[in-house]
Amino acid sequence: MTSDAELVGLAAGLLVACGLVPQVVRVWRMKDAHQISLGFNLITIGGIALWLAYGVLLGLLSVILWNAVNLVLYLSLLVVKLKYGM
């Protein structure tokens, strides 16, 4: 059984991840990531990786799930930045 707090966490993570999807789609379609900051992307990836580790250590489904999704999204932005945005 999922707690109310975990349901809030799952909903919040869904919204954050969905907010990033249009940006990822845009840079992949346009093959242009000049306006994406490399420093911001790298720092955010580091933070997300730590949140993911935190979630794994505490067994928090919402933290694990959505940080894994966001990590994939930000890594895809990094790929586009390195390929088309330097």
C-alpha atoms as a PDB file:
ATOM      1  CA  MET A   1       0.000   0.000   0.000  1.00  0.00           C
ATOM      2  CA  THR A   2       1.338   3.418  -1.002  1.00  0.00           C
ATOM      3  CA  SER A   3       1.268   6.231   1.544  1.00  0.00           C
ATOM      4  CA  ASP A   4      -0.213   9.651   0.844  1.00  0.00           C
ATOM      5  CA  ALA A   5       3.270  11.157   1.059  1.00  0.00           C
ATOM      6  CA  GLU A   6       4.586   8.726  -1.554  1.00  0.00           C
ATOM      7  CA  LEU A   7       1.652   9.564  -3.851  1.00  0.00           C
ATOM      8  CA  VAL A   8       2.500  13.257  -3.548  1.00  0.00           C
ATOM      9  CA  GLY A   9       6.133  12.438  -4.351  1.00  0.00           C
ATOM     10  CA  LEU A  10       5.123  10.412  -7.396  1.00  0.00           C
ATOM     11  CA  ALA A  11       2.868  13.218  -8.673  1.00  0.00           C
ATOM     12  CA  ALA A  12       5.538  15.870  -8.076  1.00  0.00           C
ATOM     13  CA  GLY A  13       8.189  13.850  -9.870  1.00  0.00           C
ATOM     14  CA  LEU A  14       5.875  13.271 -12.805  1.00  0.00           C
ATOM     15  CA  LEU A  15       5.281  17.002 -13.193  1.00  0.00           C
ATOM     16  CA  VAL A  16       8.999  17.839 -12.991  1.00  0.00           C
ATOM     17  CA  ALA A  17       9.903  15.172 -15.555  1.00  0.00           C
ATOM     18  CA  CYS A  18       7.088  16.197 -17.890  1.00  0.00           C
ATOM     19  CA  GLY A  19       8.290  19.788 -17.692  1.00  0.00           C
ATOM     20  CA  LEU A  20      11.683  18.759 -19.043  1.00  0.00           C
ATOM     21  CA  VAL A  21      10.406  16.629 -21.931  1.00  0.00           C
ATOM     22  CA  PRO A  22       9.553  19.556 -24.282  1.00  0.00           C
ATOM     23  CA  GLN A  23      13.082  20.946 -23.903  1.00  0.00           C
ATOM     24  CA  VAL A  24      14.669  17.591 -24.650  1.00  0.00           C
ATOM     25  CA  VAL A  25      12.415  17.051 -27.686  1.00  0.00           C
ATOM     26  CA  ARG A  26      13.163  20.564 -28.956  1.00  0.00           C
ATOM     27  CA  VAL A  27      16.956  20.290 -28.819  1.00  0.00           C
ATOM     28  CA  TRP A  28      16.903  16.835 -30.426  1.00  0.00           C
ATOM     29  CA  ARG A  29      14.619  17.995 -33.261  1.00  0.00           C
ATOM     30  CA  MET A  30      16.533  21.211 -33.917  1.00  0.00           C
ATOM     31  CA  LYS A  31      19.927  19.595 -33.351  1.00  0.00           C
ATOM     32  CA  ASP A  32      20.889  22.816 -31.607  1.00  0.00           C
ATOM     33  CA  ALA A  33      21.881  23.128 -27.970  1.00  0.00           C
ATOM     34  CA  HIS A  34      23.948  26.313 -28.057  1.00  0.00           C
ATOM     35  CA  GLN A  35      21.631  27.934 -25.512  1.00  0.00           C
ATOM     36  CA  ILE A  36      21.911  25.035 -23.069  1.00  0.00           C
ATOM     37  CA  SER A  37      24.560  25.747 -20.428  1.00  0.00           C
ATOM     38  CA  LEU A  38      27.106  22.938 -20.112  1.00  0.00           C
ATOM     39  CA  GLY A  39      27.891  23.895 -16.522  1.00  0.00           C
ATOM     40  CA  PHE A  40      24.224  23.924 -15.532  1.00  0.00           C
ATOM     41  CA  ASN A  41      23.706  20.553 -17.189  1.00  0.00           C
ATOM     42  CA  LEU A  42      26.707  18.932 -15.490  1.00  0.00           C
ATOM     43  CA  ILE A  43      25.838  20.305 -12.043  1.00  0.00           C
ATOM     44  CA  THR A  44      22.211  19.222 -12.428  1.00  0.00           C
ATOM     45  CA  ILE A  45      23.273  15.718 -13.501  1.00  0.00           C
ATOM     46  CA  GLY A  46      25.482  15.493 -10.405  1.00  0.00           C
ATOM     47  CA  GLY A  47      22.625  16.602  -8.153  1.00  0.00           C
ATOM     48  CA  ILE A  48      20.177  14.191  -9.720  1.00  0.00           C
ATOM     49  CA  ALA A  49      22.668  11.337  -9.375  1.00  0.00           C
ATOM     50  CA  LEU A  50      23.003  12.127  -5.661  1.00  0.00           C
ATOM     51  CA  TRP A  51      19.199  12.304  -5.219  1.00  0.00           C
ATOM     52  CA  LEU A  52      18.963   8.943  -6.968  1.00  0.00           C
ATOM     53  CA  ALA A  53      21.557   7.465  -4.602  1.00  0.00           C
ATOM     54  CA  TYR A  54      19.655   8.953  -1.646  1.00  0.00           C
ATOM     55  CA  GLY A  55      16.436   7.363  -2.854  1.00  0.00           C
ATOM     56  CA  VAL A  56      18.120   3.991  -3.313  1.00  0.00           C
ATOM     57  CA  LEU A  57      19.696   4.131   0.148  1.00  0.00           C
ATOM     58  CA  LEU A  58      16.347   4.915   1.775  1.00  0.00           C
ATOM     59  CA  GLY A  59      14.209   2.789  -0.552  1.00  0.00           C
ATOM     60  CA  LEU A  60      12.021   5.717  -1.640  1.00  0.00           C
ATOM     61  CA  LEU A  61      10.166   4.707  -4.804  1.00  0.00           C
ATOM     62  CA  SER A  62       9.191   8.217  -5.921  1.00  0.00           C
ATOM     63  CA  VAL A  63      12.727   9.543  -5.458  1.00  0.00           C
ATOM     64  CA  ILE A  64      14.268   6.574  -7.273  1.00  0.00           C
ATOM     65  CA  LEU A  65      11.793   6.509 -10.156  1.00  0.00           C
ATOM     66  CA  TRP A  66      11.686  10.183 -11.068  1.00  0.00           C
ATOM     67  CA  ASN A  67      15.352  10.897 -10.495  1.00  0.00           C
ATOM     68  CA  ALA A  68      16.205   7.971 -12.763  1.00  0.00           C
ATOM     69  CA  VAL A  69      13.877   9.403 -15.414  1.00  0.00           C
ATOM     70  CA  ASN A  70      15.308  12.905 -14.994  1.00  0.00           C
ATOM     71  CA  LEU A  71      18.850  11.552 -15.139  1.00  0.00           C
ATOM     72  CA  VAL A  72      18.119   9.974 -18.517  1.00  0.00           C
ATOM     73  CA  LEU A  73      16.533  13.210 -19.763  1.00  0.00           C
ATOM     74  CA  TYR A  74      19.437  15.381 -18.629  1.00  0.00           C
ATOM     75  CA  LEU A  75      21.990  12.923 -20.007  1.00  0.00           C
ATOM     76  CA  SER A  76      20.220  13.142 -23.367  1.00  0.00           C
ATOM     77  CA  LEU A  77      20.503  16.942 -23.168  1.00  0.00           C
ATOM     78  CA  LEU A  78      24.201  16.524 -22.439  1.00  0.00           C
ATOM     79  CA  VAL A  79      24.620  14.298 -25.499  1.00  0.00           C
ATOM     80  CA  VAL A  80      22.965  16.910 -27.705  1.00  0.00           C
ATOM     81  CA  LYS A  81      25.011  19.687 -26.122  1.00  0.00           C
ATOM     82  CA  LEU A  82      28.272  17.854 -26.746  1.00  0.00           C
ATOM     83  CA  LYS A  83      27.273  16.823 -30.268  1.00  0.00           C
ATOM     84  CA  TYR A  84      25.613  20.004 -31.571  1.00  0.00           C
ATOM     85  CA  GLY A  85      26.022  22.780 -29.048  1.00  0.00           C
ATOM     86  CA  MET A  86      29.689  23.477 -28.496  1.00  0.00           C
END
